[in-house]
Amino acid sequence: MIDFSGYTAKAIEKAMLDQVPDHIDTREGSMIQTALGPVAWYLEGLYMTLSHVQENAYADTAAGEYLDLIVQQRGLFRNKAVPAVRKGIFNTTVSTGARFKTINGGDSVIFLVGSRLTDYRDGCVYEMICQTPGLAGNNYTGSLLPITAVPGLTSAVLGEIITAGAEEESDESLRSRYFETFRMEAFGGNIQSYRNEILAIAGVGAVQVYPVWNGGGTVLCSILGSDFNPALPALVQTVQNIICPPEEGETEPSANGYGKAPIGAAVTITTGSPLVLDIACEIDFVSGLQNGEEACRQQIEERIQEYLDAVNQTWGKPLAGYKVDYSVTVYISRIIYALLTISDIVNVSNVRINGSESDLRLIENADLQQVAVLGEVVINHG
């Protein structure tokens, strides 16, 4: 790529003035310098535009709508933000479309009442759809404030998540999916075709594909949500219905080709199993720091969680080669490195994962797909 960074107004002006004969005055304020100065500024703007065009002409550096245009050449499209769908528990019947607001200050969002799910002795349970797409609808659980008047309403509670909200797909995620299409051509129901189709479904963050897992004609696809945690049942069912739905009246996936899976393939969609990791470590804090453990606990837990998030983002990436093999390992050295990025920590030692001082390799096979989930963090003073 051409480096346009040197084409500044000052450099352009100097280059032009250097072309002027020596006997002509080119000092600042002279007629020649006064005439060429604005031209140099204009040309700098043109070079900035050229640099912008060049950066957005290649998938490696393109961003936003320009990246969207490039990936469309491979039949890919950015996953849009998805609103959260939750359960709402009310003491009385509520009309469809009624609006309720969460009670969490500046982070409050509005939910719309959807279909009626079930009745119980003291009221009804409804599907609640967040009016704001994205993660905002996932965070709050508790009482709701009615915006729409509901006769006889004395209790309104936002309950468990049915379908988690997800943000619009990031440039890096879309770029990764784009380059993956070049790693191996998707064709006729091969592993790459399953990966492409499933990762294109909104809410899916990763997938492991296991061919012939239960005999000829069977495929197991294990997915994670867009947050790289085990997928919720509603997302698993959505992917199942898109890829390989069951026959009408049946529960097992049909091999008759009613979904995107090819005829003859019975595809089962599942999700990873959480493996809770309890982390213990000895930490030396900077001298003079009072109550170092309490002062730094939140940062310590955040750093470990960030590392585990990075580990889980590799969960669906198969190892290179003609073998169905996934490797997900939590390294003690990486935990130590993550903690040492905290300015108040000078040393970390004796790190243990679930009581072991060894790195932990998660089980990833057709029988069990483990996902790292942070449990208790125990801090001992060094």
Protein backbone atom coordinates (compact mmCIF):
# COMPACT_ATOMS: atom_id res chain seq x y z
CA MET A 1 0.00 0.00 0.00
CA ILE A 2 1.12 3.56 -0.70
CA ASP A 3 2.18 5.54 2.37
CA PHE A 4 0.51 8.94 2.12
CA SER A 5 1.53 10.09 5.62
CA GLY A 6 4.40 12.23 4.27
CA TYR A 7 2.16 14.30 2.02
CA THR A 8 1.52 17.11 4.50
CA ALA A 9 0.81 20.70 3.50
CA LYS A 10 4.23 21.74 4.75
CA ALA A 11 6.03 19.03 2.78
CA ILE A 12 4.02 19.72 -0.38
CA GLU A 13 4.63 23.46 -0.12
CA LYS A 14 8.37 22.91 0.32
CA ALA A 15 8.46 20.60 -2.70
CA MET A 16 6.72 23.21 -4.85
CA LEU A 17 8.87 26.07 -3.63
CA ASP A 18 11.99 24.02 -4.38
CA GLN A 19 10.98 24.14 -8.05
CA VAL A 20 11.04 27.94 -8.11
CA PRO A 21 14.25 29.52 -9.55
CA ASP A 22 16.67 30.80 -6.91
CA HIS A 23 16.49 34.43 -8.03
CA ILE A 24 12.77 34.62 -7.17
CA ASP A 25 11.77 35.47 -3.60
CA THR A 26 10.06 32.48 -1.89
CA ARG A 27 10.23 33.64 1.71
CA GLU A 28 7.11 33.47 3.89
CA GLY A 29 4.79 36.30 2.91
CA SER A 30 6.23 36.58 -0.59
CA MET A 31 3.92 36.53 -3.58
CA ILE A 32 4.99 33.00 -4.60
CA GLN A 33 4.66 31.56 -1.09
CA THR A 34 1.31 33.26 -0.61
CA ALA A 35 0.03 31.73 -3.86
CA LEU A 36 1.32 28.21 -3.22
CA GLY A 37 0.37 27.93 0.46
CA PRO A 38 -3.40 27.41 -0.09
CA VAL A 39 -2.67 24.96 -2.91
CA ALA A 40 -0.53 22.88 -0.54
CA TRP A 41 -3.33 22.73 2.03
CA TYR A 42 -5.79 21.66 -0.67
CA LEU A 43 -3.46 18.95 -1.96
CA GLU A 44 -2.96 17.61 1.58
CA GLY A 45 -6.74 17.14 1.74
CA LEU A 46 -6.68 15.25 -1.55
CA TYR A 47 -3.95 12.93 -0.29
CA MET A 48 -5.95 12.33 2.90
CA THR A 49 -8.91 11.36 0.72
CA LEU A 50 -6.72 9.05 -1.35
CA SER A 51 -5.45 7.39 1.85
CA HIS A 52 -9.03 6.92 3.04
CA VAL A 53 -10.03 5.37 -0.29
CA GLN A 54 -7.02 3.05 -0.24
CA GLU A 55 -7.66 1.87 3.34
CA ASN A 56 -11.29 1.07 2.57
CA ALA A 57 -10.52 -0.78 -0.66
CA TYR A 58 -9.06 -3.81 1.17
CA ALA A 59 -10.71 -6.13 3.68
CA ASP A 60 -7.68 -5.91 6.00
CA THR A 61 -8.23 -2.21 6.68
CA ALA A 62 -11.79 -1.41 5.55
CA ALA A 63 -14.30 -0.36 8.18
CA GLY A 64 -18.03 0.12 8.53
CA GLU A 65 -20.09 0.32 5.37
CA TYR A 66 -17.00 -0.12 3.18
CA LEU A 67 -16.27 -3.48 4.81
CA ASP A 68 -19.94 -4.41 4.29
CA LEU A 69 -19.56 -3.83 0.55
CA ILE A 70 -16.40 -5.95 0.35
CA VAL A 71 -17.80 -8.97 2.24
CA GLN A 72 -20.97 -8.96 0.16
CA GLN A 73 -18.81 -10.19 -2.72
CA ARG A 74 -18.51 -13.45 -0.73
CA GLY A 75 -22.22 -13.57 0.09
CA LEU A 76 -21.72 -12.36 3.66
CA PHE A 77 -23.72 -9.73 5.52
CA ARG A 78 -23.19 -8.06 8.88
CA ASN A 79 -25.38 -9.43 11.67
CA LYS A 80 -27.70 -6.69 12.90
CA ALA A 81 -28.33 -5.90 16.55
CA VAL A 82 -30.92 -8.19 18.14
CA PRO A 83 -33.27 -7.11 20.96
CA ALA A 84 -33.49 -9.18 24.13
CA VAL A 85 -36.62 -11.26 24.68
CA ARG A 86 -37.45 -11.87 28.34
CA LYS A 87 -40.21 -13.34 30.46
CA GLY A 88 -42.58 -10.91 32.16
CA ILE A 89 -44.59 -12.04 35.18
CA PHE A 90 -47.77 -10.12 35.96
CA ASN A 91 -50.56 -10.54 38.51
CA THR A 92 -53.19 -9.91 35.84
CA THR A 93 -53.70 -10.13 32.09
CA VAL A 94 -51.87 -7.52 30.03
CA SER A 95 -52.65 -6.43 26.49
CA THR A 96 -50.18 -7.10 23.67
CA GLY A 97 -48.06 -4.05 22.95
CA ALA A 98 -48.32 -2.61 26.47
CA ARG A 99 -45.11 -0.80 27.45
CA PHE A 100 -43.11 -1.22 30.66
CA LYS A 101 -39.89 0.42 31.81
CA THR A 102 -37.06 -1.08 33.83
CA ILE A 103 -36.17 0.66 37.10
CA ASN A 104 -32.42 1.08 36.85
CA GLY A 105 -31.84 4.80 36.40
CA GLY A 106 -29.97 5.98 33.34
CA ASP A 107 -29.68 2.43 32.01
CA SER A 108 -33.43 1.86 31.94
CA VAL A 109 -35.02 0.49 28.77
CA ILE A 110 -38.57 -0.10 27.59
CA PHE A 111 -40.08 -3.54 27.02
CA LEU A 112 -43.15 -4.30 24.93
CA VAL A 113 -45.52 -7.10 25.89
CA GLY A 114 -45.61 -9.88 23.31
CA SER A 115 -47.37 -13.22 23.22
CA ARG A 116 -48.83 -14.88 26.29
CA LEU A 117 -46.65 -17.81 27.34
CA THR A 118 -48.45 -19.41 30.28
CA ASP A 119 -50.77 -18.83 33.21
CA TYR A 120 -50.15 -19.55 36.85
CA ARG A 121 -52.25 -19.32 39.97
CA ASP A 122 -51.66 -15.64 40.67
CA GLY A 123 -51.25 -14.23 37.19
CA CYS A 124 -49.77 -14.61 33.70
CA VAL A 125 -46.37 -14.89 32.03
CA TYR A 126 -45.75 -12.98 28.79
CA GLU A 127 -42.98 -12.64 26.28
CA MET A 128 -41.33 -9.23 26.71
CA ILE A 129 -39.42 -7.66 23.80
CA CYS A 130 -36.87 -4.93 24.47
CA GLN A 131 -37.45 -1.80 22.44
CA THR A 132 -33.69 -1.16 22.32
CA PRO A 133 -31.71 -3.73 20.28
CA GLY A 134 -28.45 -4.94 21.77
CA LEU A 135 -27.15 -5.95 25.18
CA ALA A 136 -29.13 -3.32 27.08
CA GLY A 137 -32.10 -5.63 27.55
CA ASN A 138 -30.02 -8.41 29.12
CA ASN A 139 -28.84 -6.64 32.23
CA TYR A 140 -31.82 -5.89 34.42
CA THR A 141 -34.01 -8.29 36.38
CA GLY A 142 -36.69 -7.08 38.77
CA SER A 143 -39.76 -4.90 39.03
CA LEU A 144 -41.13 -3.01 36.03
CA LEU A 145 -42.80 0.37 35.91
CA PRO A 146 -45.92 0.45 33.69
CA ILE A 147 -46.06 3.12 31.01
CA THR A 148 -49.31 1.79 29.58
CA ALA A 149 -52.18 1.82 32.06
CA VAL A 150 -53.18 -1.74 33.05
CA PRO A 151 -56.34 -2.16 35.19
CA GLY A 152 -55.78 -4.25 38.30
CA LEU A 153 -51.98 -4.39 37.91
CA THR A 154 -50.14 -4.63 41.24
CA SER A 155 -47.08 -6.66 40.27
CA ALA A 156 -44.88 -6.58 37.14
CA VAL A 157 -41.53 -8.37 37.15
CA LEU A 158 -38.99 -8.87 34.38
CA GLY A 159 -37.71 -12.44 34.61
CA GLU A 160 -35.36 -14.80 32.83
CA ILE A 161 -33.92 -14.30 29.36
CA ILE A 162 -35.59 -16.20 26.53
CA THR A 163 -33.36 -14.83 23.77
CA ALA A 164 -30.35 -12.73 24.69
CA GLY A 165 -29.93 -9.37 22.99
CA ALA A 166 -26.81 -8.94 20.88
CA GLU A 167 -25.02 -5.89 19.53
CA GLU A 168 -24.45 -5.34 15.83
CA GLU A 169 -21.59 -7.48 14.59
CA SER A 170 -18.25 -5.74 14.95
CA ASP A 171 -15.88 -5.06 12.07
CA GLU A 172 -13.36 -7.56 13.45
CA SER A 173 -15.93 -10.34 13.71
CA LEU A 174 -17.19 -9.70 10.19
CA ARG A 175 -13.64 -9.46 8.87
CA SER A 176 -12.79 -12.79 10.52
CA ARG A 177 -15.79 -14.48 8.89
CA TYR A 178 -14.78 -13.01 5.54
CA PHE A 179 -11.23 -14.34 5.65
CA GLU A 180 -12.46 -17.71 6.87
CA THR A 181 -14.30 -18.19 3.56
CA PHE A 182 -10.89 -18.30 1.86
CA ARG A 183 -9.42 -20.87 4.27
CA MET A 184 -11.47 -23.62 2.69
CA GLU A 185 -14.17 -23.37 0.06
CA ALA A 186 -17.66 -24.13 1.31
CA PHE A 187 -19.16 -26.91 -0.80
CA GLY A 188 -21.86 -29.58 -0.56
CA GLY A 189 -22.24 -29.69 3.20
CA ASN A 190 -18.55 -29.79 4.15
CA ILE A 191 -17.40 -28.45 7.52
CA GLN A 192 -16.79 -24.97 6.13
CA SER A 193 -20.31 -24.71 4.75
CA TYR A 194 -21.76 -25.49 8.19
CA ARG A 195 -19.49 -22.90 9.79
CA ASN A 196 -20.45 -20.22 7.27
CA GLU A 197 -24.19 -20.81 7.59
CA ILE A 198 -24.29 -21.04 11.39
CA LEU A 199 -21.97 -18.10 12.10
CA ALA A 200 -24.17 -15.95 9.84
CA ILE A 201 -27.13 -16.45 12.21
CA ALA A 202 -27.67 -13.49 14.53
CA GLY A 203 -26.70 -14.25 18.11
CA VAL A 204 -24.16 -16.99 17.32
CA GLY A 205 -20.56 -16.24 18.29
CA ALA A 206 -18.79 -19.55 17.67
CA VAL A 207 -19.42 -23.10 16.46
CA GLN A 208 -17.70 -26.46 16.63
CA VAL A 209 -18.63 -28.99 13.92
CA TYR A 210 -18.34 -32.74 14.47
CA PRO A 211 -19.17 -34.89 11.40
CA VAL A 212 -20.41 -38.49 11.73
CA TRP A 213 -20.67 -38.06 15.49
CA ASN A 214 -23.47 -40.62 15.88
CA GLY A 215 -23.09 -42.72 12.78
CA GLY A 216 -23.22 -42.04 9.05
CA GLY A 217 -25.28 -39.05 8.01
CA THR A 218 -25.16 -37.37 11.44
CA VAL A 219 -23.53 -34.02 12.26
CA LEU A 220 -23.18 -32.31 15.64
CA CYS A 221 -22.83 -28.55 15.75
CA SER A 222 -22.14 -27.01 19.16
CA ILE A 223 -22.60 -23.23 19.39
CA LEU A 224 -21.89 -20.34 21.73
CA GLY A 225 -23.82 -17.09 21.96
CA SER A 226 -22.43 -13.80 20.71
CA ASP A 227 -20.99 -13.25 24.20
CA PHE A 228 -19.02 -16.52 23.83
CA ASN A 229 -20.91 -18.15 26.68
CA PRO A 230 -23.14 -21.23 26.37
CA ALA A 231 -26.10 -20.37 24.14
CA LEU A 232 -29.59 -20.02 25.60
CA PRO A 233 -32.14 -22.72 24.70
CA ALA A 234 -34.09 -20.35 22.45
CA LEU A 235 -31.01 -19.63 20.33
CA VAL A 236 -30.16 -23.33 20.10
CA GLN A 237 -33.71 -24.02 18.90
CA THR A 238 -33.59 -21.15 16.41
CA VAL A 239 -30.38 -22.47 14.87
CA GLN A 240 -31.80 -26.01 14.85
CA ASN A 241 -34.87 -24.86 12.93
CA ILE A 242 -32.77 -22.96 10.40
CA ILE A 243 -30.18 -25.66 9.78
CA CYS A 244 -32.08 -28.93 10.22
CA PRO A 245 -35.63 -28.82 11.62
CA PRO A 246 -37.52 -31.99 12.63
CA GLU A 247 -40.38 -33.48 10.68
CA GLU A 248 -43.78 -32.10 11.63
CA GLY A 249 -44.87 -33.73 14.87
CA GLU A 250 -41.38 -35.15 15.51
CA THR A 251 -38.58 -34.00 17.82
CA GLU A 252 -35.46 -35.43 16.18
CA PRO A 253 -33.76 -33.50 13.34
CA SER A 254 -34.80 -34.76 9.92
CA ALA A 255 -32.29 -35.78 7.26
CA ASN A 256 -34.76 -34.93 4.48
CA GLY A 257 -33.30 -31.49 3.77
CA TYR A 258 -35.98 -29.15 5.15
CA GLY A 259 -33.38 -26.67 6.38
CA LYS A 260 -30.02 -25.47 5.08
CA ALA A 261 -28.37 -28.82 5.74
CA PRO A 262 -28.08 -31.02 2.65
CA ILE A 263 -30.40 -33.98 2.09
CA GLY A 264 -29.18 -37.01 4.00
CA ALA A 265 -27.61 -35.09 6.90
CA ALA A 266 -29.31 -35.17 10.32
CA VAL A 267 -27.79 -32.19 12.12
CA THR A 268 -28.09 -31.79 15.88
CA ILE A 269 -27.52 -28.34 17.35
CA THR A 270 -26.30 -28.13 20.94
CA THR A 271 -24.24 -25.76 23.07
CA GLY A 272 -21.11 -25.93 25.20
CA SER A 273 -21.12 -27.00 28.84
CA PRO A 274 -19.84 -24.43 31.36
CA LEU A 275 -16.77 -25.42 33.35
CA VAL A 276 -16.46 -23.23 36.43
CA LEU A 277 -12.87 -22.25 37.15
CA ASP A 278 -11.97 -21.29 40.72
CA ILE A 279 -8.73 -19.28 40.67
CA ALA A 280 -6.40 -18.97 43.66
CA CYS A 281 -3.16 -16.99 43.67
CA GLU A 282 -0.63 -15.21 45.83
CA ILE A 283 -0.16 -11.51 45.09
CA ASP A 284 2.42 -8.96 46.25
CA PHE A 285 1.08 -5.43 46.18
CA VAL A 286 3.13 -2.23 45.99
CA SER A 287 4.48 -1.13 49.34
CA GLY A 288 2.28 1.31 51.21
CA LEU A 289 -0.94 0.17 49.56
CA GLN A 290 -3.60 -0.21 52.20
CA ASN A 291 -5.96 -3.20 51.97
CA GLY A 292 -4.50 -4.18 48.61
CA GLU A 293 -6.75 -7.21 48.20
CA GLU A 294 -9.95 -5.22 48.60
CA ALA A 295 -8.66 -2.22 46.67
CA CYS A 296 -7.69 -4.32 43.66
CA ARG A 297 -10.19 -7.18 43.81
CA GLN A 298 -12.49 -5.78 41.14
CA GLN A 299 -9.58 -5.14 38.78
CA ILE A 300 -8.19 -8.61 39.45
CA GLU A 301 -11.49 -10.30 38.63
CA GLU A 302 -11.94 -8.12 35.55
CA ARG A 303 -8.47 -8.99 34.20
CA ILE A 304 -9.02 -12.72 34.70
CA GLN A 305 -12.45 -12.48 33.09
CA GLU A 306 -10.99 -10.61 30.12
CA TYR A 307 -8.44 -13.38 29.65
CA LEU A 308 -11.10 -16.11 29.85
CA ASP A 309 -13.18 -14.16 27.33
CA ALA A 310 -10.20 -14.19 24.97
CA VAL A 311 -9.82 -17.95 25.52
CA ASN A 312 -13.48 -18.56 24.72
CA GLN A 313 -13.19 -16.55 21.53
CA THR A 314 -10.86 -19.26 20.22
CA TRP A 315 -13.33 -22.00 21.23
CA GLY A 316 -14.77 -22.50 17.75
CA LYS A 317 -11.54 -22.26 15.75
CA PRO A 318 -10.40 -25.70 14.55
CA LEU A 319 -6.74 -26.59 14.49
CA ALA A 320 -5.14 -26.53 11.05
CA GLY A 321 -5.05 -29.80 9.18
CA TYR A 322 -7.41 -32.48 7.97
CA LYS A 323 -8.65 -33.50 11.40
CA VAL A 324 -11.65 -32.41 13.46
CA ASP A 325 -9.79 -31.09 16.48
CA TYR A 326 -10.42 -28.11 18.75
CA SER A 327 -7.98 -27.01 21.44
CA VAL A 328 -8.95 -24.64 24.24
CA THR A 329 -6.42 -24.19 27.04
CA VAL A 330 -6.31 -21.85 30.04
CA TYR A 331 -2.67 -21.00 30.72
CA ILE A 332 -1.45 -20.04 34.17
CA SER A 333 1.26 -17.83 32.66
CA ARG A 334 -1.39 -15.80 30.83
CA ILE A 335 -3.31 -15.28 34.07
CA ILE A 336 -0.12 -14.03 35.72
CA TYR A 337 0.55 -11.69 32.79
CA ALA A 338 -3.01 -10.35 32.92
CA LEU A 339 -2.72 -9.59 36.63
CA LEU A 340 0.67 -7.92 36.28
CA THR A 341 -0.92 -5.29 34.03
CA ILE A 342 -2.50 -3.87 37.21
CA SER A 343 -0.22 -1.06 38.39
CA ASP A 344 -0.61 -1.85 42.11
CA ILE A 345 0.59 -5.45 41.70
CA VAL A 346 4.32 -6.21 41.68
CA ASN A 347 4.29 -10.02 41.66
CA VAL A 348 1.94 -12.97 41.18
CA SER A 349 2.79 -16.55 42.16
CA ASN A 350 1.32 -19.94 43.05
CA VAL A 351 -1.63 -19.61 40.68
CA ARG A 352 -3.98 -22.58 40.88
CA ILE A 353 -6.92 -23.45 38.67
CA ASN A 354 -9.44 -25.63 40.49
CA GLY A 355 -6.68 -26.56 42.92
CA SER A 356 -4.12 -27.51 40.25
CA GLU A 357 -0.91 -25.65 39.47
CA SER A 358 -0.97 -26.92 35.86
CA ASP A 359 -2.47 -25.36 32.75
CA LEU A 360 -6.00 -26.54 32.14
CA ARG A 361 -6.93 -27.98 28.76
CA LEU A 362 -10.69 -28.08 28.33
CA ILE A 363 -12.41 -31.13 26.87
CA GLU A 364 -13.56 -30.49 23.31
CA ASN A 365 -15.03 -33.49 21.52
CA ALA A 366 -18.35 -34.75 20.22
CA ASP A 367 -19.38 -35.95 23.70
CA LEU A 368 -18.49 -32.82 25.67
CA GLN A 369 -17.61 -29.26 24.70
CA GLN A 370 -16.46 -27.28 27.72
CA VAL A 371 -16.58 -23.50 28.07
CA ALA A 372 -14.50 -21.64 30.67
CA VAL A 373 -16.58 -19.71 33.21
CA LEU A 374 -15.00 -17.74 36.04
CA GLY A 375 -15.93 -18.91 39.53
CA GLU A 376 -14.42 -17.83 42.85
CA VAL A 377 -11.19 -15.82 42.96
CA VAL A 378 -9.15 -16.36 46.12
CA ILE A 379 -6.34 -13.88 46.78
CA ASN A 380 -3.56 -14.74 49.22
CA HIS A 381 -0.87 -12.29 50.24
CA GLY A 382 2.58 -13.16 48.97
